[in-house]
PDB file of N, CA and C in Angstrom:
ATOM      1  N   MET A   1       0.957  -0.978  -0.061  1.00  0.00           N
ATOM      2  CA  MET A   1       0.012   0.097  -0.087  1.00  0.00           C
ATOM      3  C   MET A   1       0.838   1.279  -0.181  1.00  0.00           C
ATOM      4  N   ASP A   2       0.394   2.174  -0.643  1.00  0.00           N
ATOM      5  CA  ASP A   2       1.119   3.460  -0.584  1.00  0.00           C
ATOM      6  C   ASP A   2       1.059   4.118   0.606  1.00  0.00           C
ATOM      7  N   LEU A   3       1.686   5.166   0.955  1.00  0.00           N
ATOM      8  CA  LEU A   3       1.664   5.910   2.216  1.00  0.00           C
ATOM      9  C   LEU A   3       0.575   6.547   2.614  1.00  0.00           C
ATOM     10  N   LYS A   4      -0.085   7.226   1.468  1.00  0.00           N
ATOM     11  CA  LYS A   4      -1.491   7.744   1.754  1.00  0.00           C
ATOM     12  C   LYS A   4      -2.534   6.842   2.259  1.00  0.00           C
ATOM     13  N   SER A   5      -2.911   5.815   1.479  1.00  0.00           N
ATOM     14  CA  SER A   5      -3.816   4.851   1.920  1.00  0.00           C
ATOM     15  C   SER A   5      -3.422   4.255   3.337  1.00  0.00           C
ATOM     16  N   CYS A   6      -2.256   4.021   3.736  1.00  0.00           N
ATOM     17  CA  CYS A   6      -1.780   3.485   4.993  1.00  0.00           C
ATOM     18  C   CYS A   6      -2.168   4.672   6.084  1.00  0.00           C
ATOM     19  N   MET A   7      -1.767   5.691   5.827  1.00  0.00           N
ATOM     20  CA  MET A   7      -2.115   6.846   6.846  1.00  0.00           C
ATOM     21  C   MET A   7      -3.824   6.920   7.014  1.00  0.00           C
ATOM     22  N   ILE A   8      -4.567   6.886   5.881  1.00  0.00           N
ATOM     23  CA  ILE A   8      -5.924   6.953   6.223  1.00  0.00           C
ATOM     24  C   ILE A   8      -6.594   5.664   6.902  1.00  0.00           C
ATOM     25  N   THR A   9      -5.886   4.584   6.759  1.00  0.00           N
ATOM     26  CA  THR A   9      -6.299   3.467   7.344  1.00  0.00           C
ATOM     27  C   THR A   9      -5.945   3.440   8.916  1.00  0.00           C
ATOM     28  N   LEU A  10      -4.770   3.809   9.179  1.00  0.00           N
ATOM     29  CA  LEU A  10      -4.382   4.243  10.430  1.00  0.00           C
ATOM     30  C   LEU A  10      -5.458   5.238  11.153  1.00  0.00           C
ATOM     31  N   PHE A  11      -5.710   6.393  10.612  1.00  0.00           N
ATOM     32  CA  PHE A  11      -6.421   7.250  11.224  1.00  0.00           C
ATOM     33  C   PHE A  11      -7.599   6.858  11.340  1.00  0.00           C
ATOM     34  N   ILE A  12      -8.360   5.986  10.441  1.00  0.00           N
ATOM     35  CA  ILE A  12      -9.589   5.487  10.794  1.00  0.00           C
ATOM     36  C   ILE A  12      -9.587   4.500  11.868  1.00  0.00           C
ATOM     37  N   LEU A  13      -8.560   3.579  12.158  1.00  0.00           N
ATOM     38  CA  LEU A  13      -8.645   2.701  13.245  1.00  0.00           C
ATOM     39  C   LEU A  13      -8.339   3.554  14.371  1.00  0.00           C
ATOM     40  N   VAL A  14      -7.748   4.591  14.493  1.00  0.00           N
ATOM     41  CA  VAL A  14      -7.596   5.383  15.787  1.00  0.00           C
ATOM     42  C   VAL A  14      -8.917   5.915  16.229  1.00  0.00           C
ATOM     43  N   LEU A  15      -9.582   6.295  15.268  1.00  0.00           N
ATOM     44  CA  LEU A  15     -11.021   6.866  15.635  1.00  0.00           C
ATOM     45  C   LEU A  15     -11.837   5.693  15.963  1.00  0.00           C
ATOM     46  N   LEU A  16     -11.583   4.753  15.460  1.00  0.00           N
ATOM     47  CA  LEU A  16     -12.715   3.594  15.985  1.00  0.00           C
ATOM     48  C   LEU A  16     -12.270   3.105  17.420  1.00  0.00           C
ATOM     49  N   PHE A  17     -10.968   3.074  17.710  1.00  0.00           N
ATOM     50  CA  PHE A  17     -10.633   2.564  18.975  1.00  0.00           C
ATOM     51  C   PHE A  17     -10.408   3.530  20.113  1.00  0.00           C
ATOM     52  N   ALA A  18     -10.295   4.788  19.751  1.00  0.00           N
ATOM     53  CA  ALA A  18     -10.139   5.865  20.730  1.00  0.00           C
ATOM     54  C   ALA A  18     -11.220   6.030  21.752  1.00  0.00           C
ATOM     55  N   GLU A  19     -10.942   6.037  22.974  1.00  0.00           N
ATOM     56  CA  GLU A  19     -12.116   6.489  23.879  1.00  0.00           C
ATOM     57  C   GLU A  19     -12.153   7.788  24.360  1.00  0.00           C
ATOM     58  N   PRO A  20     -13.312   8.301  24.248  1.00  0.00           N
ATOM     59  CA  PRO A  20     -13.406   9.791  24.701  1.00  0.00           C
ATOM     60  C   PRO A  20     -12.793  10.091  26.081  1.00  0.00           C
ATOM     61  N   GLY A  21     -12.315  11.290  26.180  1.00  0.00           N
ATOM     62  CA  GLY A  21     -11.865  11.679  27.549  1.00  0.00           C
ATOM     63  C   GLY A  21     -12.945  11.860  28.463  1.00  0.00           C
ATOM     64  N   SER A  22     -14.002  12.558  28.005  1.00  0.00           N
ATOM     65  CA  SER A  22     -15.116  12.805  28.843  1.00  0.00           C
ATOM     66  C   SER A  22     -15.832  11.692  29.625  1.00  0.00           C
ATOM     67  N   SER A  23     -15.757  10.466  28.940  1.00  0.00           N
ATOM     68  CA  SER A  23     -16.353   9.321  29.479  1.00  0.00           C
ATOM     69  C   SER A  23     -15.731   8.893  30.814  1.00  0.00           C
ATOM     70  N   LYS A  24     -14.526   9.023  30.949  1.00  0.00           N
ATOM     71  CA  LYS A  24     -14.038   8.639  32.406  1.00  0.00           C
ATOM     72  C   LYS A  24     -14.472   9.438  33.388  1.00  0.00           C
ATOM     73  N   GLU A  25     -14.691  10.544  33.139  1.00  0.00           N
ATOM     74  CA  GLU A  25     -15.249  11.303  34.216  1.00  0.00           C
ATOM     75  C   GLU A  25     -16.772  11.020  34.649  1.00  0.00           C
ATOM     76  N   GLY A  26     -17.184  11.230  35.705  1.00  0.00           N
ATOM     77  CA  GLY A  26     -18.630  11.344  35.934  1.00  0.00           C
ATOM     78  C   GLY A  26     -19.489  12.265  35.405  1.00  0.00           C
ATOM     79  N   LEU A  27     -20.399  12.282  34.920  1.00  0.00           N
ATOM     80  CA  LEU A  27     -21.603  13.258  34.425  1.00  0.00           C
ATOM     81  C   LEU A  27     -21.854  14.126  35.718  1.00  0.00           C
ATOM     82  N   ASP A  28     -21.918  15.405  35.651  1.00  0.00           N
ATOM     83  CA  ASP A  28     -22.389  16.283  36.490  1.00  0.00           C
ATOM     84  C   ASP A  28     -24.014  16.175  36.398  1.00  0.00           C
ATOM     85  N   SER A  29     -24.748  15.691  37.591  1.00  0.00           N
ATOM     86  CA  SER A  29     -26.092  15.735  37.522  1.00  0.00           C
ATOM     87  C   SER A  29     -26.687  16.828  37.723  1.00  0.00           C
ATOM     88  N   GLU A  30     -25.966  17.859  38.399  1.00  0.00           N
ATOM     89  CA  GLU A  30     -26.800  19.018  38.417  1.00  0.00           C
ATOM     90  C   GLU A  30     -27.020  19.834  37.236  1.00  0.00           C
ATOM     91  N   ALA A  31     -26.266  19.700  36.213  1.00  0.00           N
ATOM     92  CA  ALA A  31     -26.541  20.105  34.877  1.00  0.00           C
ATOM     93  C   ALA A  31     -28.075  19.738  34.143  1.00  0.00           C
ATOM     94  N   TYR A  32     -28.315  18.565  34.676  1.00  0.00           N
ATOM     95  CA  TYR A  32     -29.549  17.992  33.994  1.00  0.00           C
ATOM     96  C   TYR A  32     -30.846  18.083  34.870  1.00  0.00           C
ATOM     97  N   ASP A  33     -30.732  18.666  36.099  1.00  0.00           N
ATOM     98  CA  ASP A  33     -31.894  19.044  37.025  1.00  0.00           C
ATOM     99  C   ASP A  33     -32.666  20.208  36.582  1.00  0.00           C
ATOM    100  N   ILE A  34     -33.766  19.810  35.692  1.00  0.00           N
ATOM    101  CA  ILE A  34     -34.593  20.823  35.195  1.00  0.00           C
ATOM    102  C   ILE A  34     -36.004  20.796  35.916  1.00  0.00           C
ATOM    103  N   ASP A  35     -36.418  22.033  36.451  1.00  0.00           N
ATOM    104  CA  ASP A  35     -37.804  21.880  37.126  1.00  0.00           C
ATOM    105  C   ASP A  35     -38.833  22.252  36.043  1.00  0.00           C
ATOM    106  N   TYR A  36     -39.774  21.253  35.541  1.00  0.00           N
ATOM    107  CA  TYR A  36     -40.764  21.738  34.428  1.00  0.00           C
ATOM    108  C   TYR A  36     -41.835  22.111  34.978  1.00  0.00           C
ATOM    109  N   ARG A  37     -42.019  21.959  36.427  1.00  0.00           N
ATOM    110  CA  ARG A  37     -43.561  22.392  37.005  1.00  0.00           C
ATOM    111  C   ARG A  37     -43.734  23.832  37.448  1.00  0.00           C
ATOM    112  N   GLY A  38     -42.626  24.795  37.280  1.00  0.00           N
ATOM    113  CA  GLY A  38     -42.701  26.066  37.598  1.00  0.00           C
ATOM    114  C   GLY A  38     -43.458  27.017  36.603  1.00  0.00           C
ATOM    115  N   PRO A  39     -44.474  27.956  36.950  1.00  0.00           N
ATOM    116  CA  PRO A  39     -45.128  28.801  36.292  1.00  0.00           C
ATOM    117  C   PRO A  39     -44.269  29.654  35.054  1.00  0.00           C
ATOM    118  N   GLU A  40     -42.922  29.874  35.291  1.00  0.00           N
ATOM    119  CA  GLU A  40     -42.267  30.412  34.438  1.00  0.00           C
ATOM    120  C   GLU A  40     -41.904  29.779  33.259  1.00  0.00           C
ATOM    121  N   THR A  41     -42.174  28.374  33.192  1.00  0.00           N
ATOM    122  CA  THR A  41     -41.750  27.442  32.001  1.00  0.00           C
ATOM    123  C   THR A  41     -43.147  27.308  31.279  1.00  0.00           C
ATOM    124  N   HIS A  42     -44.369  27.668  31.680  1.00  0.00           N
ATOM    125  CA  HIS A  42     -45.640  27.470  30.972  1.00  0.00           C
ATOM    126  C   HIS A  42     -46.298  28.831  31.088  1.00  0.00           C
ATOM    127  N   SER A  43     -47.154  29.019  29.968  1.00  0.00           N
ATOM    128  CA  SER A  43     -48.065  30.264  29.917  1.00  0.00           C
ATOM    129  C   SER A  43     -49.238  30.090  30.753  1.00  0.00           C
ATOM    130  N   GLN A  44     -49.962  31.111  31.023  1.00  0.00           N
ATOM    131  CA  GLN A  44     -51.038  30.763  31.883  1.00  0.00           C
ATOM    132  C   GLN A  44     -52.406  30.271  31.106  1.00  0.00           C
ATOM    133  N   ARG A  45     -52.350  30.751  29.697  1.00  0.00           N
ATOM    134  CA  ARG A  45     -53.380  30.383  28.676  1.00  0.00           C
ATOM    135  C   ARG A  45     -53.263  29.010  28.111  1.00  0.00           C
ATOM    136  N   PRO A  46     -54.332  28.214  28.031  1.00  0.00           N
ATOM    137  CA  PRO A  46     -54.199  26.867  27.628  1.00  0.00           C
ATOM    138  C   PRO A  46     -54.036  26.847  26.022  1.00  0.00           C
ATOM    139  N   PRO A  47     -53.560  25.900  25.451  1.00  0.00           N
ATOM    140  CA  PRO A  47     -53.376  25.775  23.982  1.00  0.00           C
ATOM    141  C   PRO A  47     -54.687  25.833  23.414  1.00  0.00           C
ATOM    142  N   PRO A  48     -55.062  26.300  22.127  1.00  0.00           N
ATOM    143  CA  PRO A  48     -56.167  26.478  21.461  1.00  0.00           C
ATOM    144  C   PRO A  48     -56.663  24.915  21.053  1.00  0.00           C
ATOM    145  N   LYS A  49     -58.011  24.729  21.298  1.00  0.00           N
ATOM    146  CA  LYS A  49     -58.933  23.356  21.071  1.00  0.00           C
ATOM    147  C   LYS A  49     -58.747  23.267  19.505  1.00  0.00           C
ATOM    148  N   ARG A  50     -58.140  21.877  19.010  1.00  0.00           N
ATOM    149  CA  ARG A  50     -58.245  21.429  17.793  1.00  0.00           C
ATOM    150  C   ARG A  50     -59.185  20.502  17.462  1.00  0.00           C
ATOM    151  N   THR A  51     -60.326  20.320  18.481  1.00  0.00           N
ATOM    152  CA  THR A  51     -61.381  19.325  18.082  1.00  0.00           C
ATOM    153  C   THR A  51     -62.329  19.885  17.189  1.00  0.00           C
ATOM    154  N   GLY A  52     -63.137  18.946  16.680  1.00  0.00           N
ATOM    155  CA  GLY A  52     -63.992  19.402  15.748  1.00  0.00           C
ATOM    156  C   GLY A  52     -64.217  18.834  14.266  1.00  0.00           C
ATOM    157  N   GLY A  53     -63.148  18.174  14.098  1.00  0.00           N
ATOM    158  CA  GLY A  53     -63.166  17.511  12.746  1.00  0.00           C
ATOM    159  C   GLY A  53     -62.033  18.531  11.954  1.00  0.00           C
ATOM    160  N   SER A  54     -61.812  18.013  10.851  1.00  0.00           N
ATOM    161  CA  SER A  54     -61.051  18.671   9.762  1.00  0.00           C
ATOM    162  C   SER A  54     -61.692  19.669   9.006  1.00  0.00           C
ATOM    163  N   ARG A  55     -60.962  20.702   8.742  1.00  0.00           N
ATOM    164  CA  ARG A  55     -61.627  21.879   7.820  1.00  0.00           C
ATOM    165  C   ARG A  55     -62.027  21.304   6.479  1.00  0.00           C
ATOM    166  N   ASN A  56     -62.981  22.023   5.877  1.00  0.00           N
ATOM    167  CA  ASN A  56     -63.382  21.418   4.457  1.00  0.00           C
ATOM    168  C   ASN A  56     -62.624  22.534   3.659  1.00  0.00           C
ATOM    169  N   PHE A  57     -61.569  22.126   2.641  1.00  0.00           N
ATOM    170  CA  PHE A  57     -61.127  22.941   1.804  1.00  0.00           C
ATOM    171  C   PHE A  57     -61.423  22.998   0.501  1.00  0.00           C
ATOM    172  N   LYS A  58     -62.696  22.231   0.289  1.00  0.00           N
ATOM    173  CA  LYS A  58     -63.197  22.016  -1.164  1.00  0.00           C
ATOM    174  C   LYS A  58     -63.647  23.323  -1.641  1.00  0.00           C
ATOM    175  N   ASN A  59     -64.090  24.163  -0.775  1.00  0.00           N
ATOM    176  CA  ASN A  59     -64.763  25.358  -1.380  1.00  0.00           C
ATOM    177  C   ASN A  59     -63.489  26.488  -1.543  1.00  0.00           C
ATOM    178  N   HIS A  60     -62.582  26.271  -1.195  1.00  0.00           N
ATOM    179  CA  HIS A  60     -61.510  27.229  -1.372  1.00  0.00           C
ATOM    180  C   HIS A  60     -61.178  27.370  -2.959  1.00  0.00           C
ATOM    181  N   PRO A  61     -61.049  28.542  -3.365  1.00  0.00           N
ATOM    182  CA  PRO A  61     -60.808  28.798  -4.781  1.00  0.00           C
ATOM    183  C   PRO A  61     -59.483  28.150  -5.396  1.00  0.00           C
ATOM    184  N   ARG A  62     -58.435  28.060  -4.447  1.00  0.00           N
ATOM    185  CA  ARG A  62     -57.255  27.425  -5.031  1.00  0.00           C
ATOM    186  C   ARG A  62     -57.104  25.952  -5.153  1.00  0.00           C
ATOM    187  N   SER A  63     -58.209  25.477  -4.319  1.00  0.00           N
ATOM    188  CA  SER A  63     -58.218  23.931  -4.324  1.00  0.00           C
ATOM    189  C   SER A  63     -59.044  23.314  -5.527  1.00  0.00           C
ATOM    190  N   LYS A  64     -59.765  24.296  -6.188  1.00  0.00           N
ATOM    191  CA  LYS A  64     -60.442  23.935  -7.406  1.00  0.00           C
ATOM    192  C   LYS A  64     -59.490  23.672  -8.470  1.00  0.00           C
ATOM    193  N   ARG A  65     -59.834  22.637  -9.218  1.00  0.00           N
ATOM    194  CA  ARG A  65     -58.987  22.297 -10.374  1.00  0.00           C
ATOM    195  C   ARG A  65     -59.128  23.098 -11.574  1.00  0.00           C
ATOM    196  N   GLN A  66     -58.117  23.545 -11.930  1.00  0.00           N
ATOM    197  CA  GLN A  66     -58.182  24.464 -13.250  1.00  0.00           C
ATOM    198  C   GLN A  66     -58.365  23.482 -14.522  1.00  0.00           C
ATOM    199  N   ILE A  67     -58.923  24.272 -15.644  1.00  0.00           N
ATOM    200  CA  ILE A  67     -59.289  23.495 -16.843  1.00  0.00           C
ATOM    201  C   ILE A  67     -57.963  23.648 -17.631  1.00  0.00           C
ATOM    202  N   THR A  68     -57.267  22.631 -17.933  1.00  0.00           N
ATOM    203  CA  THR A  68     -56.136  22.721 -18.844  1.00  0.00           C
ATOM    204  C   THR A  68     -56.491  22.808 -20.432  1.00  0.00           C
ATOM    205  N   GLN A  69     -55.509  23.187 -21.146  1.00  0.00           N
ATOM    206  CA  GLN A  69     -55.801  23.190 -22.488  1.00  0.00           C
ATOM    207  C   GLN A  69     -56.179  21.862 -23.174  1.00  0.00           C
ATOM    208  N   ASN A  70     -55.576  20.806 -22.777  1.00  0.00           N
ATOM    209  CA  ASN A  70     -56.012  19.647 -23.212  1.00  0.00           C
ATOM    210  C   ASN A  70     -57.404  19.146 -22.891  1.00  0.00           C
ATOM    211  N   LYS A  71     -57.667  19.540 -21.786  1.00  0.00           N
ATOM    212  CA  LYS A  71     -59.074  19.178 -21.296  1.00  0.00           C
ATOM    213  C   LYS A  71     -60.296  20.027 -22.078  1.00  0.00           C
ATOM    214  N   LEU A  72     -59.730  21.228 -22.306  1.00  0.00           N
ATOM    215  CA  LEU A  72     -60.476  22.081 -22.952  1.00  0.00           C
ATOM    216  C   LEU A  72     -60.759  21.689 -24.384  1.00  0.00           C
ATOM    217  N   THR A  73     -59.880  21.132 -25.074  1.00  0.00           N
ATOM    218  CA  THR A  73     -59.961  20.719 -26.629  1.00  0.00           C
ATOM    219  C   THR A  73     -60.783  19.400 -26.556  1.00  0.00           C
ATOM    220  N   LYS A  74     -60.694  18.696 -25.478  1.00  0.00           N
ATOM    221  CA  LYS A  74     -61.649  17.537 -25.413  1.00  0.00           C
ATOM    222  C   LYS A  74     -63.049  17.864 -25.381  1.00  0.00           C
ATOM    223  N   ILE A  75     -63.417  18.855 -24.468  1.00  0.00           N
ATOM    224  CA  ILE A  75     -64.806  19.187 -24.281  1.00  0.00           C
ATOM    225  C   ILE A  75     -65.096  19.849 -25.604  1.00  0.00           C
ATOM    226  N   ILE A  76     -64.388  20.616 -26.307  1.00  0.00           N
ATOM    227  CA  ILE A  76     -64.671  21.040 -27.520  1.00  0.00           C
ATOM    228  C   ILE A  76     -65.115  20.187 -28.679  1.00  0.00           C
ATOM    229  N   VAL A  77     -64.308  18.995 -28.831  1.00  0.00           N
ATOM    230  CA  VAL A  77     -64.533  18.024 -29.725  1.00  0.00           C
ATOM    231  C   VAL A  77     -65.583  17.153 -29.384  1.00  0.00           C
ATOM    232  N   LEU A  78     -65.899  17.125 -27.969  1.00  0.00           N
ATOM    233  CA  LEU A  78     -67.353  16.352 -27.552  1.00  0.00           C
ATOM    234  C   LEU A  78     -68.445  17.182 -27.979  1.00  0.00           C
ATOM    235  N   ILE A  79     -68.338  18.570 -27.802  1.00  0.00           N
ATOM    236  CA  ILE A  79     -69.689  19.236 -28.228  1.00  0.00           C
ATOM    237  C   ILE A  79     -69.966  19.370 -29.837  1.00  0.00           C
ATOM    238  N   GLN A  80     -68.838  19.361 -30.399  1.00  0.00           N
ATOM    239  CA  GLN A  80     -68.890  19.281 -31.865  1.00  0.00           C
ATOM    240  C   GLN A  80     -69.696  18.053 -32.495  1.00  0.00           C
ATOM    241  N   LEU A  81     -69.359  16.978 -31.623  1.00  0.00           N
ATOM    242  CA  LEU A  81     -70.160  15.710 -32.275  1.00  0.00           C
ATOM    243  C   LEU A  81     -71.415  15.816 -31.917  1.00  0.00           C
TER     244      LEU A  81
END
């Protein structure tokens, strides 16, 4: 093998077998103690109600399918028959 591929292989092996230095130390549990029960983390108003089914978008003008030129020529041909 040439020097470049040998160095790349060695680098990958070092990355695979290296132990992270932070894993030897114990994790500081104080950093992860979060109190979610306090009023400062929640607003006073409840979230809006989303019940009542889905909205009907069929009457919206953008949801209506536009007539294409191909469809228009088919309609004209049918009318002429």
